[in-house]
């Protein structure tokens, strides 16, 4: 499997954990004290790091650090928007599209040769 694809797949999985760690408690643990939510989020974040660190170590073999960061941001928004809309019940906003277009521009400039 090509290194950029391995990296992207690991970052997608990492972002799923990260998004639940950062925002999942807003719905699932809303009635619990913040310290409980923080501790559970830290536990979830451990799995995020177990995927994110290898993703970056694999990716840096062929990608620059800037390219890795932009790839991470594109994936992060791609995971966050469906999570916000479908899990948290937030309305879809046109601003998500504008943000995505900005990231397309950032990806263009980071990956052009």
N, C-alpha and C. Protein backbone atom coordinates (compact mmCIF):
# COMPACT_ATOMS: atom_id res chain seq x y z
N UNK A 1 0.86 -1.17 0.00
CA UNK A 1 0.00 0.00 0.00
C UNK A 1 0.91 1.24 0.00
N UNK A 2 0.63 2.21 -0.84
CA UNK A 2 1.47 3.42 -0.89
C UNK A 2 1.49 4.16 0.45
N UNK A 3 2.63 4.75 0.75
CA UNK A 3 2.81 5.45 2.03
C UNK A 3 1.77 6.56 2.25
N UNK A 4 1.47 7.41 1.25
CA UNK A 4 0.44 8.44 1.50
C UNK A 4 -0.92 7.84 1.84
N UNK A 5 -1.26 6.71 1.23
CA UNK A 5 -2.55 6.07 1.53
C UNK A 5 -2.54 5.47 2.93
N UNK A 6 -1.45 4.81 3.32
CA UNK A 6 -1.33 4.29 4.69
C UNK A 6 -1.51 5.42 5.70
N UNK A 7 -0.84 6.52 5.42
CA UNK A 7 -0.89 7.68 6.30
C UNK A 7 -2.31 8.21 6.41
N UNK A 8 -2.96 8.39 5.27
CA UNK A 8 -4.32 8.92 5.26
C UNK A 8 -5.28 8.01 6.02
N UNK A 9 -5.19 6.70 5.81
CA UNK A 9 -6.08 5.77 6.50
C UNK A 9 -5.88 5.81 8.02
N UNK A 10 -4.63 5.82 8.45
CA UNK A 10 -4.35 5.92 9.88
C UNK A 10 -4.85 7.25 10.45
N UNK A 11 -4.70 8.32 9.68
CA UNK A 11 -5.18 9.63 10.16
C UNK A 11 -6.70 9.69 10.22
N UNK A 12 -7.38 9.03 9.31
CA UNK A 12 -8.85 8.98 9.38
C UNK A 12 -9.27 8.27 10.67
N UNK A 13 -8.69 7.11 10.93
CA UNK A 13 -9.02 6.37 12.16
C UNK A 13 -8.66 7.19 13.40
N UNK A 14 -7.50 7.82 13.37
CA UNK A 14 -7.07 8.67 14.48
C UNK A 14 -8.06 9.79 14.72
N UNK A 15 -8.53 10.41 13.65
CA UNK A 15 -9.47 11.52 13.77
C UNK A 15 -10.83 11.08 14.30
N UNK A 16 -11.23 9.87 14.00
CA UNK A 16 -12.48 9.38 14.57
C UNK A 16 -12.38 9.35 16.10
N UNK A 17 -11.28 8.80 16.60
CA UNK A 17 -11.08 8.78 18.05
C UNK A 17 -10.95 10.20 18.61
N UNK A 18 -10.17 11.05 17.93
CA UNK A 18 -9.96 12.41 18.41
C UNK A 18 -11.28 13.18 18.50
N UNK A 19 -12.11 13.04 17.48
CA UNK A 19 -13.37 13.76 17.46
C UNK A 19 -14.27 13.31 18.60
N UNK A 20 -14.32 12.01 18.85
CA UNK A 20 -15.11 11.52 19.99
C UNK A 20 -14.51 11.99 21.30
N UNK A 21 -13.19 12.00 21.41
CA UNK A 21 -12.55 12.45 22.65
C UNK A 21 -12.84 13.92 22.91
N UNK A 22 -12.79 14.73 21.87
CA UNK A 22 -12.96 16.18 22.04
C UNK A 22 -14.42 16.61 22.17
N UNK A 23 -15.31 15.94 21.42
CA UNK A 23 -16.68 16.44 21.33
C UNK A 23 -17.76 15.43 21.73
N UNK A 24 -17.44 14.14 21.76
CA UNK A 24 -18.45 13.12 22.06
C UNK A 24 -19.08 13.29 23.43
N UNK A 25 -18.29 13.77 24.39
CA UNK A 25 -18.81 13.95 25.75
C UNK A 25 -19.89 15.00 25.83
N UNK A 26 -19.98 15.89 24.84
CA UNK A 26 -21.01 16.93 24.86
C UNK A 26 -22.40 16.33 24.78
N UNK A 27 -22.50 15.14 24.19
CA UNK A 27 -23.78 14.46 24.11
C UNK A 27 -23.84 13.29 25.09
N UNK A 28 -22.84 12.43 25.04
CA UNK A 28 -22.92 11.18 25.81
C UNK A 28 -22.66 11.35 27.30
N UNK A 29 -21.92 12.37 27.69
CA UNK A 29 -21.60 12.56 29.11
C UNK A 29 -22.05 13.94 29.61
N UNK A 30 -23.04 14.51 28.97
CA UNK A 30 -23.47 15.87 29.30
C UNK A 30 -23.91 16.02 30.76
N UNK A 31 -24.43 14.96 31.34
CA UNK A 31 -24.92 15.05 32.71
C UNK A 31 -23.84 14.73 33.76
N UNK A 32 -22.68 14.31 33.31
CA UNK A 32 -21.58 13.95 34.22
C UNK A 32 -20.73 15.18 34.53
N UNK A 33 -20.04 15.18 35.66
CA UNK A 33 -19.12 16.28 35.96
C UNK A 33 -18.02 16.36 34.90
N UNK A 34 -17.49 17.56 34.69
CA UNK A 34 -16.49 17.76 33.64
C UNK A 34 -15.25 16.89 33.85
N UNK A 35 -14.90 16.62 35.10
CA UNK A 35 -13.70 15.82 35.36
C UNK A 35 -13.88 14.38 34.85
N UNK A 36 -15.08 13.85 34.97
CA UNK A 36 -15.37 12.51 34.46
C UNK A 36 -15.23 12.52 32.94
N UNK A 37 -15.81 13.54 32.29
CA UNK A 37 -15.70 13.66 30.84
C UNK A 37 -14.24 13.80 30.41
N UNK A 38 -13.47 14.57 31.17
CA UNK A 38 -12.06 14.77 30.82
C UNK A 38 -11.28 13.46 30.92
N UNK A 39 -11.50 12.71 31.98
CA UNK A 39 -10.78 11.44 32.15
C UNK A 39 -11.15 10.42 31.08
N UNK A 40 -12.43 10.34 30.77
CA UNK A 40 -12.85 9.43 29.70
C UNK A 40 -12.29 9.90 28.35
N UNK A 41 -12.29 11.19 28.13
CA UNK A 41 -11.73 11.73 26.88
C UNK A 41 -10.24 11.42 26.77
N UNK A 42 -9.51 11.51 27.86
CA UNK A 42 -8.09 11.16 27.84
C UNK A 42 -7.90 9.70 27.45
N UNK A 43 -8.77 8.84 27.97
CA UNK A 43 -8.69 7.42 27.62
C UNK A 43 -8.94 7.19 26.14
N UNK A 44 -9.91 7.89 25.58
CA UNK A 44 -10.19 7.78 24.15
C UNK A 44 -9.02 8.36 23.34
N UNK A 45 -8.46 9.47 23.82
CA UNK A 45 -7.36 10.12 23.11
C UNK A 45 -6.12 9.23 23.03
N UNK A 46 -5.96 8.33 23.97
CA UNK A 46 -4.83 7.40 23.91
C UNK A 46 -4.86 6.63 22.59
N UNK A 47 -6.05 6.15 22.20
CA UNK A 47 -6.17 5.41 20.95
C UNK A 47 -5.91 6.31 19.75
N UNK A 48 -6.29 7.57 19.87
CA UNK A 48 -5.99 8.54 18.81
C UNK A 48 -4.48 8.64 18.61
N UNK A 49 -3.74 8.76 19.69
CA UNK A 49 -2.29 8.88 19.60
C UNK A 49 -1.64 7.59 19.10
N UNK A 50 -2.21 6.44 19.46
CA UNK A 50 -1.66 5.17 18.99
C UNK A 50 -1.79 5.01 17.47
N UNK A 51 -2.66 5.78 16.86
CA UNK A 51 -2.81 5.78 15.41
C UNK A 51 -2.12 6.97 14.76
N UNK A 52 -2.19 8.12 15.41
CA UNK A 52 -1.65 9.36 14.83
C UNK A 52 -0.12 9.34 14.78
N UNK A 53 0.53 8.87 15.82
CA UNK A 53 2.00 8.86 15.84
C UNK A 53 2.56 7.96 14.73
N UNK A 54 2.08 6.72 14.59
CA UNK A 54 2.57 5.92 13.47
C UNK A 54 2.22 6.53 12.11
N UNK A 55 1.05 7.15 12.00
CA UNK A 55 0.68 7.79 10.73
C UNK A 55 1.72 8.83 10.33
N UNK A 56 2.11 9.67 11.28
CA UNK A 56 3.09 10.71 10.97
C UNK A 56 4.48 10.12 10.72
N UNK A 57 4.84 9.08 11.44
CA UNK A 57 6.16 8.46 11.22
C UNK A 57 6.23 7.77 9.86
N UNK A 58 5.12 7.16 9.46
CA UNK A 58 5.08 6.55 8.13
C UNK A 58 5.05 7.64 7.06
N UNK A 59 4.20 8.62 7.25
CA UNK A 59 4.01 9.67 6.25
C UNK A 59 5.24 10.50 5.98
N UNK A 60 6.04 10.76 7.01
CA UNK A 60 7.20 11.63 6.85
C UNK A 60 8.27 11.00 5.95
N UNK A 61 8.12 9.72 5.65
CA UNK A 61 9.05 9.08 4.72
C UNK A 61 8.92 9.64 3.30
N UNK A 62 7.72 10.12 2.95
CA UNK A 62 7.51 10.65 1.60
C UNK A 62 6.88 12.04 1.58
N UNK A 63 6.34 12.48 2.70
CA UNK A 63 5.66 13.77 2.75
C UNK A 63 6.40 14.72 3.68
N UNK A 64 6.30 16.00 3.40
CA UNK A 64 6.89 16.98 4.32
C UNK A 64 5.98 17.13 5.53
N UNK A 65 6.49 17.75 6.56
CA UNK A 65 5.69 17.98 7.77
C UNK A 65 4.50 18.89 7.44
N UNK A 66 4.72 19.87 6.58
CA UNK A 66 3.62 20.74 6.16
C UNK A 66 2.53 19.98 5.43
N UNK A 67 2.93 19.06 4.56
CA UNK A 67 1.96 18.24 3.86
C UNK A 67 1.19 17.34 4.82
N UNK A 68 1.90 16.78 5.79
CA UNK A 68 1.23 15.96 6.80
C UNK A 68 0.19 16.77 7.57
N UNK A 69 0.54 17.99 7.93
CA UNK A 69 -0.38 18.84 8.71
C UNK A 69 -1.61 19.20 7.90
N UNK A 70 -1.43 19.56 6.65
CA UNK A 70 -2.59 19.91 5.81
C UNK A 70 -3.46 18.67 5.58
N UNK A 71 -2.83 17.52 5.35
CA UNK A 71 -3.59 16.28 5.20
C UNK A 71 -4.42 16.04 6.46
N UNK A 72 -3.81 16.24 7.62
CA UNK A 72 -4.50 16.08 8.91
C UNK A 72 -5.70 17.02 9.00
N UNK A 73 -5.53 18.26 8.60
CA UNK A 73 -6.62 19.24 8.70
C UNK A 73 -7.76 18.92 7.76
N UNK A 74 -7.45 18.50 6.54
CA UNK A 74 -8.49 18.10 5.59
C UNK A 74 -9.28 16.91 6.13
N UNK A 75 -8.55 15.93 6.64
CA UNK A 75 -9.21 14.75 7.21
C UNK A 75 -10.02 15.14 8.44
N UNK A 76 -9.48 16.01 9.26
CA UNK A 76 -10.16 16.43 10.47
C UNK A 76 -11.52 17.07 10.15
N UNK A 77 -11.55 17.96 9.18
CA UNK A 77 -12.81 18.58 8.80
C UNK A 77 -13.75 17.56 8.17
N UNK A 78 -13.20 16.64 7.39
CA UNK A 78 -14.01 15.60 6.75
C UNK A 78 -14.65 14.66 7.76
N UNK A 79 -14.02 14.46 8.88
CA UNK A 79 -14.58 13.63 9.94
C UNK A 79 -15.51 14.45 10.83
N UNK A 80 -15.10 15.69 11.13
CA UNK A 80 -15.86 16.51 12.08
C UNK A 80 -17.25 16.89 11.56
N UNK A 81 -17.36 17.29 10.32
CA UNK A 81 -18.65 17.77 9.81
C UNK A 81 -19.73 16.69 9.91
N UNK A 82 -19.51 15.47 9.39
CA UNK A 82 -20.56 14.45 9.58
C UNK A 82 -20.83 14.14 11.05
N UNK A 83 -19.78 14.16 11.88
CA UNK A 83 -19.96 13.91 13.31
C UNK A 83 -20.86 14.98 13.93
N UNK A 84 -20.59 16.24 13.62
CA UNK A 84 -21.37 17.34 14.17
C UNK A 84 -22.82 17.28 13.72
N UNK A 85 -23.02 16.96 12.44
CA UNK A 85 -24.38 16.94 11.90
C UNK A 85 -25.15 15.70 12.36
N UNK A 86 -24.55 14.52 12.22
CA UNK A 86 -25.30 13.29 12.49
C UNK A 86 -25.28 12.83 13.94
N UNK A 87 -24.17 13.03 14.64
CA UNK A 87 -24.08 12.58 16.04
C UNK A 87 -24.55 13.66 17.01
N UNK A 88 -24.07 14.88 16.80
CA UNK A 88 -24.44 15.95 17.72
C UNK A 88 -25.71 16.70 17.31
N UNK A 89 -26.21 16.41 16.11
CA UNK A 89 -27.45 17.03 15.66
C UNK A 89 -27.33 18.50 15.32
N UNK A 90 -26.14 18.95 14.99
CA UNK A 90 -25.94 20.34 14.61
C UNK A 90 -26.39 20.55 13.16
N UNK A 91 -26.90 21.73 12.86
CA UNK A 91 -27.32 21.96 11.47
C UNK A 91 -26.10 22.09 10.56
N UNK A 92 -26.24 21.62 9.32
CA UNK A 92 -25.18 21.80 8.34
C UNK A 92 -25.16 23.27 7.95
N UNK A 93 -23.97 23.85 7.93
CA UNK A 93 -23.84 25.26 7.60
C UNK A 93 -23.02 25.44 6.34
N UNK A 94 -23.34 26.46 5.60
CA UNK A 94 -22.58 26.81 4.41
C UNK A 94 -21.12 27.10 4.78
N UNK A 95 -20.89 27.52 6.00
CA UNK A 95 -19.52 27.80 6.45
C UNK A 95 -18.62 26.57 6.37
N UNK A 96 -19.20 25.38 6.52
CA UNK A 96 -18.40 24.16 6.37
C UNK A 96 -17.84 24.06 4.96
N UNK A 97 -18.65 24.44 3.99
CA UNK A 97 -18.19 24.39 2.59
C UNK A 97 -17.09 25.42 2.36
N UNK A 98 -17.26 26.62 2.90
CA UNK A 98 -16.23 27.66 2.74
C UNK A 98 -14.92 27.21 3.40
N UNK A 99 -15.02 26.62 4.57
CA UNK A 99 -13.82 26.11 5.26
C UNK A 99 -13.16 25.02 4.43
N UNK A 100 -13.97 24.13 3.86
CA UNK A 100 -13.43 23.06 3.02
C UNK A 100 -12.73 23.63 1.80
N UNK A 101 -13.29 24.66 1.20
CA UNK A 101 -12.65 25.28 0.04
C UNK A 101 -11.32 25.93 0.42
N UNK A 102 -11.26 26.52 1.59
CA UNK A 102 -9.99 27.07 2.07
C UNK A 102 -8.95 25.96 2.23
N UNK A 103 -9.38 24.81 2.76
CA UNK A 103 -8.46 23.69 2.92
C UNK A 103 -8.04 23.11 1.57
N UNK A 104 -8.93 23.13 0.60
CA UNK A 104 -8.54 22.69 -0.75
C UNK A 104 -7.42 23.59 -1.26
N UNK A 105 -7.57 24.89 -1.05
CA UNK A 105 -6.51 25.82 -1.44
C UNK A 105 -5.21 25.54 -0.70
N UNK A 106 -5.31 25.29 0.59
CA UNK A 106 -4.11 24.99 1.39
C UNK A 106 -3.46 23.70 0.90
N UNK A 107 -4.26 22.70 0.61
CA UNK A 107 -3.71 21.44 0.10
C UNK A 107 -3.05 21.65 -1.26
N UNK A 108 -3.66 22.45 -2.09
CA UNK A 108 -3.05 22.73 -3.40
C UNK A 108 -1.65 23.32 -3.22
N UNK A 109 -1.55 24.33 -2.38
CA UNK A 109 -0.26 24.99 -2.23
C UNK A 109 0.79 24.09 -1.55
N UNK A 110 0.35 23.22 -0.64
CA UNK A 110 1.30 22.34 0.04
C UNK A 110 1.75 21.16 -0.82
N UNK A 111 0.88 20.72 -1.73
CA UNK A 111 1.19 19.51 -2.49
C UNK A 111 1.61 19.79 -3.93
N UNK A 112 1.58 21.04 -4.36
CA UNK A 112 1.98 21.31 -5.75
C UNK A 112 3.48 21.07 -5.91
N UNK A 113 3.86 20.71 -7.10
CA UNK A 113 5.27 20.44 -7.35
C UNK A 113 5.86 21.39 -8.36
